[in-house]
N, C-alpha and C. Protein backbone atom coordinates (compact mmCIF):
# COMPACT_ATOMS: atom_id res chain seq x y z
N UNK A 1 -68.72 -60.43 -23.40
CA UNK A 1 -69.52 -59.23 -23.47
C UNK A 1 -69.06 -58.20 -22.45
N UNK A 2 -68.74 -58.70 -21.24
CA UNK A 2 -68.28 -57.81 -20.17
C UNK A 2 -67.00 -57.08 -20.60
N UNK A 3 -66.12 -57.79 -21.29
CA UNK A 3 -64.85 -57.19 -21.73
C UNK A 3 -65.09 -56.08 -22.74
N UNK A 4 -66.01 -56.30 -23.67
CA UNK A 4 -66.30 -55.28 -24.68
C UNK A 4 -66.89 -54.02 -24.06
N UNK A 5 -67.79 -54.18 -23.11
CA UNK A 5 -68.39 -53.01 -22.48
C UNK A 5 -67.37 -52.27 -21.63
N UNK A 6 -66.49 -53.01 -20.95
CA UNK A 6 -65.42 -52.38 -20.18
C UNK A 6 -64.48 -51.61 -21.12
N UNK A 7 -64.15 -52.19 -22.25
CA UNK A 7 -63.30 -51.52 -23.23
C UNK A 7 -63.97 -50.25 -23.75
N UNK A 8 -65.27 -50.31 -24.01
CA UNK A 8 -66.00 -49.12 -24.45
C UNK A 8 -65.96 -48.04 -23.37
N UNK A 9 -66.06 -48.44 -22.12
CA UNK A 9 -65.98 -47.48 -21.02
C UNK A 9 -64.62 -46.82 -20.93
N UNK A 10 -63.56 -47.61 -21.09
CA UNK A 10 -62.20 -47.06 -21.04
C UNK A 10 -61.98 -46.10 -22.21
N UNK A 11 -62.42 -46.48 -23.39
CA UNK A 11 -62.27 -45.60 -24.55
C UNK A 11 -63.07 -44.31 -24.38
N UNK A 12 -64.23 -44.41 -23.77
CA UNK A 12 -65.03 -43.22 -23.49
C UNK A 12 -64.31 -42.29 -22.52
N UNK A 13 -63.67 -42.85 -21.51
CA UNK A 13 -62.93 -42.03 -20.54
C UNK A 13 -61.74 -41.35 -21.21
N UNK A 14 -61.00 -42.09 -22.03
CA UNK A 14 -59.84 -41.51 -22.71
C UNK A 14 -60.26 -40.41 -23.67
N UNK A 15 -61.30 -40.68 -24.46
CA UNK A 15 -61.80 -39.68 -25.39
C UNK A 15 -62.29 -38.44 -24.65
N UNK A 16 -63.03 -38.65 -23.58
CA UNK A 16 -63.53 -37.53 -22.79
C UNK A 16 -62.40 -36.70 -22.20
N UNK A 17 -61.34 -37.37 -21.74
CA UNK A 17 -60.20 -36.64 -21.18
C UNK A 17 -59.53 -35.77 -22.24
N UNK A 18 -59.39 -36.29 -23.45
CA UNK A 18 -58.80 -35.51 -24.54
C UNK A 18 -59.70 -34.31 -24.86
N UNK A 19 -60.99 -34.52 -24.92
CA UNK A 19 -61.92 -33.42 -25.20
C UNK A 19 -61.85 -32.35 -24.11
N UNK A 20 -61.74 -32.77 -22.86
CA UNK A 20 -61.62 -31.81 -21.76
C UNK A 20 -60.35 -30.98 -21.94
N UNK A 21 -59.24 -31.65 -22.18
CA UNK A 21 -57.97 -30.95 -22.33
C UNK A 21 -57.97 -29.99 -23.52
N UNK A 22 -58.61 -30.39 -24.60
CA UNK A 22 -58.70 -29.51 -25.76
C UNK A 22 -59.65 -28.36 -25.48
N UNK A 23 -60.72 -28.64 -24.79
CA UNK A 23 -61.71 -27.60 -24.51
C UNK A 23 -61.19 -26.51 -23.59
N UNK A 24 -60.30 -26.88 -22.66
CA UNK A 24 -59.75 -25.87 -21.76
C UNK A 24 -58.39 -25.37 -22.24
N UNK A 25 -58.05 -25.64 -23.49
CA UNK A 25 -56.90 -25.07 -24.19
C UNK A 25 -55.56 -25.56 -23.64
N UNK A 26 -55.51 -26.78 -23.16
CA UNK A 26 -54.24 -27.37 -22.71
C UNK A 26 -53.62 -28.21 -23.82
N UNK A 27 -54.45 -28.86 -24.59
CA UNK A 27 -53.99 -29.73 -25.68
C UNK A 27 -54.38 -29.08 -27.01
N UNK A 28 -53.46 -28.36 -27.65
CA UNK A 28 -53.80 -27.64 -28.87
C UNK A 28 -53.79 -28.54 -30.11
N UNK A 29 -54.26 -27.99 -31.22
CA UNK A 29 -54.13 -28.67 -32.51
C UNK A 29 -55.43 -29.17 -33.10
N UNK A 30 -56.54 -28.62 -32.68
CA UNK A 30 -57.82 -29.11 -33.20
C UNK A 30 -58.80 -27.95 -33.24
N UNK A 31 -59.89 -28.15 -33.96
CA UNK A 31 -60.95 -27.14 -33.98
C UNK A 31 -61.62 -27.02 -32.61
N UNK A 32 -61.42 -28.00 -31.75
CA UNK A 32 -62.03 -27.99 -30.41
C UNK A 32 -61.22 -27.16 -29.41
N UNK A 33 -59.98 -26.82 -29.77
CA UNK A 33 -59.09 -26.14 -28.84
C UNK A 33 -59.66 -24.79 -28.42
N UNK A 34 -59.76 -24.60 -27.12
CA UNK A 34 -60.20 -23.33 -26.57
C UNK A 34 -61.71 -23.14 -26.54
N UNK A 35 -62.47 -24.16 -26.91
CA UNK A 35 -63.93 -24.04 -26.88
C UNK A 35 -64.46 -24.84 -25.69
N UNK A 36 -64.91 -24.12 -24.69
CA UNK A 36 -65.30 -24.72 -23.42
C UNK A 36 -66.44 -25.74 -23.58
N UNK A 37 -67.19 -25.61 -24.63
CA UNK A 37 -68.28 -26.56 -24.89
C UNK A 37 -67.75 -27.99 -24.97
N UNK A 38 -66.55 -28.16 -25.56
CA UNK A 38 -65.97 -29.49 -25.69
C UNK A 38 -65.51 -30.04 -24.36
N UNK A 39 -65.15 -29.17 -23.44
CA UNK A 39 -64.81 -29.63 -22.10
C UNK A 39 -66.05 -30.22 -21.43
N UNK A 40 -67.20 -29.61 -21.66
CA UNK A 40 -68.46 -30.15 -21.13
C UNK A 40 -68.81 -31.49 -21.73
N UNK A 41 -68.66 -31.59 -23.05
CA UNK A 41 -68.91 -32.88 -23.70
C UNK A 41 -67.95 -33.95 -23.18
N UNK A 42 -66.71 -33.57 -22.95
CA UNK A 42 -65.72 -34.50 -22.43
C UNK A 42 -66.08 -34.98 -21.03
N UNK A 43 -66.58 -34.05 -20.21
CA UNK A 43 -67.01 -34.44 -18.87
C UNK A 43 -68.12 -35.47 -18.90
N UNK A 44 -69.06 -35.27 -19.80
CA UNK A 44 -70.16 -36.23 -19.96
C UNK A 44 -69.62 -37.58 -20.43
N UNK A 45 -68.68 -37.57 -21.37
CA UNK A 45 -68.11 -38.82 -21.87
C UNK A 45 -67.37 -39.57 -20.77
N UNK A 46 -66.65 -38.84 -19.92
CA UNK A 46 -65.94 -39.48 -18.81
C UNK A 46 -66.93 -40.12 -17.84
N UNK A 47 -68.00 -39.40 -17.53
CA UNK A 47 -69.02 -39.95 -16.61
C UNK A 47 -69.66 -41.19 -17.20
N UNK A 48 -69.98 -41.17 -18.48
CA UNK A 48 -70.57 -42.34 -19.13
C UNK A 48 -69.61 -43.52 -19.07
N UNK A 49 -68.33 -43.28 -19.30
CA UNK A 49 -67.35 -44.35 -19.23
C UNK A 49 -67.23 -44.95 -17.84
N UNK A 50 -67.22 -44.10 -16.83
CA UNK A 50 -67.13 -44.59 -15.45
C UNK A 50 -68.36 -45.41 -15.10
N UNK A 51 -69.53 -44.95 -15.52
CA UNK A 51 -70.78 -45.69 -15.23
C UNK A 51 -70.76 -47.04 -15.94
N UNK A 52 -70.33 -47.07 -17.20
CA UNK A 52 -70.25 -48.35 -17.92
C UNK A 52 -69.34 -49.34 -17.20
N UNK A 53 -68.17 -48.88 -16.81
CA UNK A 53 -67.22 -49.77 -16.15
C UNK A 53 -67.77 -50.23 -14.80
N UNK A 54 -68.35 -49.31 -14.05
CA UNK A 54 -68.86 -49.64 -12.72
C UNK A 54 -70.00 -50.65 -12.80
N UNK A 55 -70.96 -50.41 -13.66
CA UNK A 55 -72.11 -51.31 -13.75
C UNK A 55 -71.73 -52.67 -14.32
N UNK A 56 -70.77 -52.69 -15.23
CA UNK A 56 -70.38 -53.94 -15.86
C UNK A 56 -69.58 -54.83 -14.92
N UNK A 57 -68.73 -54.24 -14.11
CA UNK A 57 -67.81 -55.03 -13.30
C UNK A 57 -68.24 -55.18 -11.85
N UNK A 58 -69.49 -54.94 -11.57
CA UNK A 58 -69.99 -55.18 -10.22
C UNK A 58 -69.99 -56.67 -9.95
N UNK A 59 -69.70 -57.00 -8.73
CA UNK A 59 -69.77 -58.41 -8.36
C UNK A 59 -71.23 -58.79 -8.19
N UNK A 60 -71.59 -59.88 -8.79
CA UNK A 60 -72.98 -60.34 -8.71
C UNK A 60 -73.05 -61.61 -7.87
N UNK A 61 -72.30 -61.62 -6.79
CA UNK A 61 -72.29 -62.79 -5.93
C UNK A 61 -73.60 -62.94 -5.19
N UNK A 62 -74.02 -64.16 -5.03
CA UNK A 62 -75.27 -64.38 -4.30
C UNK A 62 -74.99 -64.43 -2.81
N UNK A 63 -75.86 -63.87 -2.07
CA UNK A 63 -75.72 -63.90 -0.62
C UNK A 63 -76.25 -65.25 -0.10
N UNK A 64 -75.60 -65.76 0.91
CA UNK A 64 -76.10 -67.01 1.46
C UNK A 64 -77.47 -66.80 2.10
N UNK A 65 -78.34 -67.75 1.87
CA UNK A 65 -79.69 -67.65 2.43
C UNK A 65 -79.67 -68.07 3.89
N UNK A 66 -80.40 -67.33 4.67
CA UNK A 66 -80.49 -67.66 6.09
C UNK A 66 -81.47 -68.79 6.28
N UNK A 67 -81.07 -69.75 7.04
CA UNK A 67 -81.96 -70.86 7.35
C UNK A 67 -82.54 -70.58 8.74
N UNK A 68 -83.85 -70.46 8.79
CA UNK A 68 -84.50 -70.13 10.06
C UNK A 68 -85.13 -71.34 10.67
């Protein structure tokens, strides 16, 4: 399950990066080219991808209990 969520996060980051590049008119060839709105959507997609990867791959190690 962790692998699938990490993969979804990576795909979200890649897709968001493409949308950003198309939105700011660096990557031509689409209806999104030159429309700044898509750069905003891409930024949100990148953030979602980073959050997915970060939350999924956190170490969940248990701390040793203190004996008093």
